[in-house]
Amino acid sequence: MKVLVATEKAFAPVAVNQIRTVTEAAGFELVMLENYKDVSELLSAVADVDALIVRSDLVTSEVIEKAKELKIVVRAGAGYDNIDLPACTAHNVVAMNTPGQNANAVAELAFALMLYQARGGFVGKSGTELRRKSIGIHAFGNVGKHVAEIAKGFGMDIYTFDPFVMEKDIKKYGVKVCNTTDELYSKCQYISLHMPANDKTKKSIGYQLLRKMPKDAVLINTARKEIIDEEGLLKIFEERPDFHYLADVAPDCAALFEEKYKGRFLFTSKKMGAQTEEANMYACLAAARQIVDYFKTGNEKYKVNK
């Protein structure tokens, strides 16, 4: 079996060594395509591989069509909207993700953004504290659970809304359960978003929800920019000078924020949620192990396409 790791943003050398150890111990051949500059390089590299590991690289229908021997592609991370799932299904390719491996890194970044904002950018001005503030965790998956644990350490009042997680499982984390998104947003000064981008969630966070947030509201997005209704976000910014938006990926309308709302937003230069040495290691190792397990036992536990 031939396994290709194709990453525009290379894994750390120690992570690559771990992938090599896992794949070669299984008797597989490992091929690396790192820091490539053009999709043509990827199209050429996938031509004869059985398995593919990517990070945020686009696995389009064209890539799938060129990969005549491909049987499995694994996204080293939780989100998988960079993979064309219908194309995978049409070509009998199993698509997987590695849920939970980046969760703590993303949760810590959410709090880094919050602390930076609460302390006014560390420029010497008086700020505020997170203790005794209310935080709403919108979606209580792997990242949401880590956010709850960190928020507990800060002494925050923690709420969540997630209709897909049982109330008894949420309460184990000392988190209060809201029955609707309206209830969550109306109770919490801070809202941290942790849902995937799909047909139901895209542009779901907009004006009608955000207007319900209390004074000095702060929206934190370490999920996907597509879940934000940017027109609605701009409207709430125009109406409420107390509203702040923090994100690890800039919205399409970032230029308008720069022009009109300086001091009320923070966007990282690129998506950084999983950018830690530990998250790199956990996600790439999980991807390699899932590929080996799939070929050895047929295990499809983390399959995301139908």
Protein backbone atom coordinates (compact mmCIF):
# COMPACT_ATOMS: atom_id res chain seq x y z
CA MET A 1 0.00 0.00 0.00
CA LYS A 2 1.22 3.48 -0.88
CA VAL A 3 0.30 6.35 1.48
CA LEU A 4 0.69 9.98 0.43
CA VAL A 5 0.87 12.84 2.91
CA ALA A 6 0.02 15.97 0.92
CA THR A 7 0.26 19.20 2.90
CA GLU A 8 0.67 22.79 1.73
CA LYS A 9 1.46 23.53 5.40
CA ALA A 10 3.96 20.86 6.38
CA PHE A 11 3.65 18.78 9.53
CA ALA A 12 6.45 19.19 12.07
CA PRO A 13 9.39 16.84 11.36
CA VAL A 14 8.70 14.90 14.56
CA ALA A 15 5.12 14.32 13.38
CA VAL A 16 6.30 13.10 9.97
CA ASN A 17 8.63 10.66 11.70
CA GLN A 18 5.71 9.31 13.69
CA ILE A 19 3.60 8.85 10.55
CA ARG A 20 6.52 7.05 8.92
CA THR A 21 6.93 4.76 11.92
CA VAL A 22 3.25 3.77 11.90
CA THR A 23 2.92 3.25 8.15
CA GLU A 24 6.22 1.46 7.59
CA ALA A 25 5.62 -0.83 10.58
CA ALA A 26 2.49 -1.95 8.73
CA GLY A 27 4.51 -2.65 5.61
CA PHE A 28 3.22 0.39 3.71
CA GLU A 29 5.21 2.85 1.60
CA LEU A 30 5.09 6.50 2.69
CA VAL A 31 5.40 9.37 0.18
CA MET A 32 5.58 13.04 1.19
CA LEU A 33 4.38 16.07 -0.77
CA GLU A 34 5.05 19.09 1.45
CA ASN A 35 4.86 22.83 0.83
CA TYR A 36 3.63 22.36 -2.73
CA LYS A 37 2.76 25.53 -4.62
CA ASP A 38 0.40 24.39 -7.36
CA VAL A 39 -2.47 21.91 -7.54
CA SER A 40 -0.76 20.26 -10.52
CA GLU A 41 1.81 18.86 -8.08
CA LEU A 42 -0.95 17.26 -6.04
CA LEU A 43 -2.68 15.87 -9.13
CA SER A 44 0.54 14.23 -10.21
CA ALA A 45 1.35 12.84 -6.75
CA VAL A 46 -2.02 11.14 -6.20
CA ALA A 47 -1.94 9.19 -9.45
CA ASP A 48 -0.84 5.86 -7.93
CA VAL A 49 -1.49 6.09 -4.19
CA ASP A 50 -3.85 3.91 -2.15
CA ALA A 51 -4.30 6.34 0.74
CA LEU A 52 -4.09 10.09 1.24
CA ILE A 53 -3.57 12.23 4.36
CA VAL A 54 -4.28 15.98 4.14
CA ARG A 55 -4.71 18.94 6.43
CA SER A 56 -6.59 21.89 4.92
CA ASP A 57 -5.66 20.91 1.37
CA LEU A 58 -8.54 20.78 -1.11
CA VAL A 59 -9.43 17.25 -2.17
CA THR A 60 -11.64 18.16 -5.12
CA SER A 61 -13.44 15.94 -7.60
CA GLU A 62 -10.48 16.51 -9.95
CA VAL A 63 -8.07 15.17 -7.35
CA ILE A 64 -10.28 12.13 -6.74
CA GLU A 65 -10.57 11.42 -10.46
CA LYS A 66 -6.80 11.56 -10.91
CA ALA A 67 -6.24 9.18 -7.98
CA LYS A 68 -7.16 5.98 -9.79
CA GLU A 69 -5.92 3.67 -6.99
CA LEU A 70 -7.21 5.76 -4.06
CA LYS A 71 -9.24 3.87 -1.47
CA ILE A 72 -9.18 6.18 1.56
CA VAL A 73 -8.52 9.86 2.32
CA VAL A 74 -8.15 11.11 5.89
CA ARG A 75 -8.36 14.72 6.95
CA ALA A 76 -5.96 15.22 9.87
CA GLY A 77 -8.40 17.32 11.87
CA ALA A 78 -12.08 17.54 12.71
CA GLY A 79 -13.54 19.63 9.88
CA TYR A 80 -13.72 17.99 6.48
CA ASP A 81 -15.38 20.59 4.26
CA ASN A 82 -12.18 20.66 2.20
CA ILE A 83 -12.99 17.16 0.88
CA ASP A 84 -15.50 16.59 -1.92
CA LEU A 85 -17.53 13.86 -0.23
CA PRO A 86 -19.90 13.10 -3.15
CA ALA A 87 -16.86 12.61 -5.41
CA CYS A 88 -15.35 10.24 -2.84
CA THR A 89 -18.55 8.23 -2.69
CA ALA A 90 -18.89 8.13 -6.47
CA HIS A 91 -15.36 6.69 -6.77
CA ASN A 92 -15.72 4.26 -3.82
CA VAL A 93 -13.23 6.22 -1.71
CA VAL A 94 -13.71 6.23 2.05
CA ALA A 95 -13.32 9.71 3.58
CA MET A 96 -12.49 10.08 7.26
CA ASN A 97 -11.61 12.79 9.76
CA THR A 98 -9.77 12.58 13.10
CA PRO A 99 -12.27 14.09 15.57
CA GLY A 100 -11.04 15.32 18.93
CA GLN A 101 -7.33 15.40 18.13
CA ASN A 102 -7.19 19.20 17.77
CA ALA A 103 -9.87 19.94 20.35
CA ASN A 104 -7.73 21.27 23.17
CA ALA A 105 -5.65 23.44 20.84
CA VAL A 106 -8.80 25.08 19.46
CA ALA A 107 -10.27 25.59 22.92
CA GLU A 108 -7.07 27.23 24.19
CA LEU A 109 -7.03 29.55 21.18
CA ALA A 110 -10.61 30.64 21.96
CA PHE A 111 -9.47 31.72 25.41
CA ALA A 112 -6.34 33.40 24.05
CA LEU A 113 -8.59 35.54 21.86
CA MET A 114 -10.93 36.27 24.76
CA LEU A 115 -8.13 37.27 27.12
CA TYR A 116 -6.53 39.52 24.50
CA GLN A 117 -9.85 41.30 23.96
CA ALA A 118 -10.74 41.48 27.67
CA ARG A 119 -7.39 43.13 28.44
CA GLY A 120 -7.64 45.61 25.59
CA GLY A 121 -4.79 44.15 23.56
CA PHE A 122 -2.27 44.42 26.42
CA VAL A 123 -1.49 48.06 25.70
CA GLY A 124 -1.57 49.19 29.32
CA LYS A 125 -5.23 50.16 29.59
CA SER A 126 -7.57 48.80 32.24
CA GLY A 127 -9.52 45.75 31.07
CA THR A 128 -12.04 43.27 32.43
CA GLU A 129 -11.88 39.77 33.91
CA LEU A 130 -13.47 36.55 32.67
CA ARG A 131 -14.34 35.38 36.16
CA ARG A 132 -18.09 35.41 36.85
CA LYS A 133 -18.86 36.26 33.23
CA SER A 134 -21.31 34.07 31.31
CA ILE A 135 -20.13 31.98 28.39
CA GLY A 136 -22.34 30.11 25.94
CA ILE A 137 -20.84 27.16 24.09
CA HIS A 138 -22.74 26.75 20.81
CA ALA A 139 -22.32 23.02 20.05
CA PHE A 140 -20.98 20.70 22.74
CA GLY A 141 -18.69 18.36 20.83
CA ASN A 142 -15.03 17.63 21.47
CA VAL A 143 -13.94 21.27 21.36
CA GLY A 144 -16.95 22.45 23.33
CA LYS A 145 -16.11 20.07 26.17
CA HIS A 146 -12.57 21.44 26.38
CA VAL A 147 -13.92 25.00 26.36
CA ALA A 148 -16.19 24.09 29.27
CA GLU A 149 -13.28 22.66 31.28
CA ILE A 150 -11.15 25.77 30.73
CA ALA A 151 -14.08 28.10 31.47
CA LYS A 152 -14.65 26.28 34.74
CA GLY A 153 -11.06 27.05 35.71
CA PHE A 154 -11.71 30.74 35.01
CA GLY A 155 -14.78 30.68 37.23
CA MET A 156 -17.19 31.48 34.42
CA ASP A 157 -20.92 30.74 34.36
CA ILE A 158 -21.21 28.14 31.58
CA TYR A 159 -24.16 27.37 29.29
CA THR A 160 -24.53 25.34 26.12
CA PHE A 161 -26.99 24.44 23.40
CA ASP A 162 -26.58 21.23 21.42
CA PRO A 163 -29.67 19.19 20.49
CA PHE A 164 -27.46 16.24 19.51
CA VAL A 165 -25.95 15.71 22.98
CA MET A 166 -27.99 14.26 25.84
CA GLU A 167 -28.61 16.60 28.77
CA LYS A 168 -27.20 14.12 31.30
CA ASP A 169 -23.93 13.96 29.36
CA ILE A 170 -23.65 17.76 29.29
CA LYS A 171 -24.34 18.15 33.00
CA LYS A 172 -21.37 15.90 33.80
CA TYR A 173 -19.24 18.89 32.86
CA GLY A 174 -21.04 21.25 35.22
CA VAL A 175 -22.65 23.07 32.31
CA LYS A 176 -26.18 24.47 32.23
CA VAL A 177 -28.32 23.33 29.30
CA CYS A 178 -30.31 25.76 27.17
CA ASN A 179 -33.30 24.50 25.19
CA THR A 180 -32.95 26.93 22.28
CA THR A 181 -30.32 29.09 20.62
CA ASP A 182 -32.37 32.15 21.57
CA GLU A 183 -32.07 31.21 25.24
CA LEU A 184 -28.31 30.63 24.93
CA TYR A 185 -27.61 33.94 23.23
CA SER A 186 -29.83 35.98 25.54
CA LYS A 187 -28.10 34.60 28.66
CA CYS A 188 -24.45 34.89 27.66
CA GLN A 189 -22.05 37.80 27.30
CA TYR A 190 -19.56 35.49 25.55
CA ILE A 191 -20.58 33.02 22.84
CA SER A 192 -18.04 30.53 21.51
CA LEU A 193 -18.93 28.76 18.25
CA HIS A 194 -17.98 25.12 17.66
CA MET A 195 -20.19 23.68 14.93
CA PRO A 196 -19.11 22.45 11.50
CA ALA A 197 -19.97 24.24 8.27
CA ASN A 198 -22.75 22.38 6.46
CA ASP A 199 -26.02 23.11 4.71
CA LYS A 200 -27.83 23.63 8.04
CA THR A 201 -25.21 25.77 9.77
CA LYS A 202 -23.93 28.02 6.99
CA LYS A 203 -24.96 31.64 7.69
CA SER A 204 -26.95 30.44 10.72
CA ILE A 205 -25.33 32.96 13.10
CA GLY A 206 -26.85 36.25 12.13
CA TYR A 207 -28.61 39.39 13.23
CA GLN A 208 -31.65 37.86 14.93
CA LEU A 209 -29.49 35.75 17.23
CA LEU A 210 -26.75 38.28 17.89
CA ARG A 211 -29.15 41.07 18.80
CA LYS A 212 -30.29 38.96 21.77
CA MET A 213 -26.87 39.01 23.41
CA PRO A 214 -26.48 41.21 26.52
CA LYS A 215 -24.37 44.36 26.84
CA ASP A 216 -20.66 44.10 25.99
CA ALA A 217 -21.27 40.98 23.93
CA VAL A 218 -18.33 39.04 22.51
CA LEU A 219 -18.70 36.47 19.72
CA ILE A 220 -15.78 34.04 19.32
CA ASN A 221 -15.48 31.97 16.16
CA THR A 222 -12.82 29.24 16.02
CA ALA A 223 -15.04 27.09 13.80
CA ARG A 224 -15.64 28.19 10.19
CA LYS A 225 -16.25 31.63 8.72
CA GLU A 226 -19.09 30.23 6.60
CA ILE A 227 -21.37 29.78 9.63
CA ILE A 228 -21.55 33.56 10.06
CA ASP A 229 -24.12 35.66 8.21
CA GLU A 230 -21.72 38.53 7.57
CA GLU A 231 -24.46 40.95 6.54
CA GLY A 232 -26.16 40.36 9.88
CA LEU A 233 -22.87 40.67 11.76
CA LEU A 234 -22.17 44.03 10.14
CA LYS A 235 -25.68 45.20 10.98
CA ILE A 236 -25.24 44.38 14.67
CA PHE A 237 -21.85 46.15 14.66
CA GLU A 238 -23.50 49.25 13.19
CA GLU A 239 -26.25 49.24 15.82
CA ARG A 240 -24.25 48.22 18.89
CA PRO A 241 -20.90 49.88 19.66
CA ASP A 242 -20.50 47.43 22.57
CA PHE A 243 -20.35 44.34 20.31
CA HIS A 244 -17.04 42.51 19.63
CA TYR A 245 -16.10 39.73 17.20
CA LEU A 246 -13.02 37.51 17.58
CA ALA A 247 -12.13 34.90 14.97
CA ASP A 248 -9.21 32.76 13.87
CA VAL A 249 -10.21 33.23 10.26
CA ALA A 250 -11.00 36.64 8.78
CA PRO A 251 -14.49 37.14 7.31
CA ASP A 252 -14.90 38.10 3.67
CA CYS A 253 -15.88 41.57 4.84
CA ALA A 254 -12.68 42.08 6.87
CA ALA A 255 -11.87 45.30 5.01
CA LEU A 256 -15.07 46.89 6.33
CA PHE A 257 -14.13 45.98 9.89
CA GLU A 258 -10.71 47.56 9.36
CA GLU A 259 -12.31 50.70 7.97
CA LYS A 260 -15.11 51.19 10.50
CA TYR A 261 -14.63 49.12 13.66
CA LYS A 262 -11.03 49.15 14.81
CA GLY A 263 -10.65 48.03 18.40
CA ARG A 264 -13.80 45.89 18.31
CA PHE A 265 -12.52 42.84 16.47
CA LEU A 266 -9.55 40.51 16.28
CA PHE A 267 -8.76 38.24 13.32
CA THR A 268 -5.71 36.00 13.22
CA SER A 269 -3.60 36.10 10.07
CA LYS A 270 -4.63 32.54 9.14
CA LYS A 271 -6.67 29.74 10.65
CA MET A 272 -4.70 28.76 13.72
CA GLY A 273 -6.96 26.51 15.79
CA ALA A 274 -4.88 23.38 15.28
CA GLN A 275 -1.51 25.11 15.04
CA THR A 276 0.26 23.55 18.01
CA GLU A 277 2.96 20.90 18.06
CA GLU A 278 0.75 18.63 20.13
CA ALA A 279 -2.31 18.94 17.87
CA ASN A 280 -0.14 18.31 14.81
CA MET A 281 1.18 15.15 16.40
CA TYR A 282 -2.16 13.83 17.62
CA ALA A 283 -4.01 14.45 14.34
CA CYS A 284 -1.38 13.04 12.00
CA LEU A 285 -0.84 9.98 14.16
CA ALA A 286 -4.59 9.35 14.29
CA ALA A 287 -4.78 9.67 10.49
CA ALA A 288 -1.96 7.17 9.95
CA ARG A 289 -3.40 4.70 12.44
CA GLN A 290 -6.87 4.95 10.91
CA ILE A 291 -5.47 4.16 7.47
CA VAL A 292 -3.56 1.14 8.74
CA ASP A 293 -6.60 -0.07 10.66
CA TYR A 294 -8.83 0.36 7.63
CA PHE A 295 -6.61 -1.75 5.39
CA LYS A 296 -5.93 -4.35 8.08
CA THR A 297 -9.42 -4.76 9.57
CA GLY A 298 -11.84 -2.74 7.42
CA ASN A 299 -12.63 -0.38 10.33
CA GLU A 300 -14.68 2.60 9.06
CA LYS A 301 -15.48 4.17 12.44
CA TYR A 302 -14.63 7.72 11.38
CA LYS A 303 -16.07 7.56 7.88
CA VAL A 304 -17.83 10.83 6.97
CA ASN A 305 -19.20 10.07 3.50
CA LYS A 306 -22.12 7.80 2.71
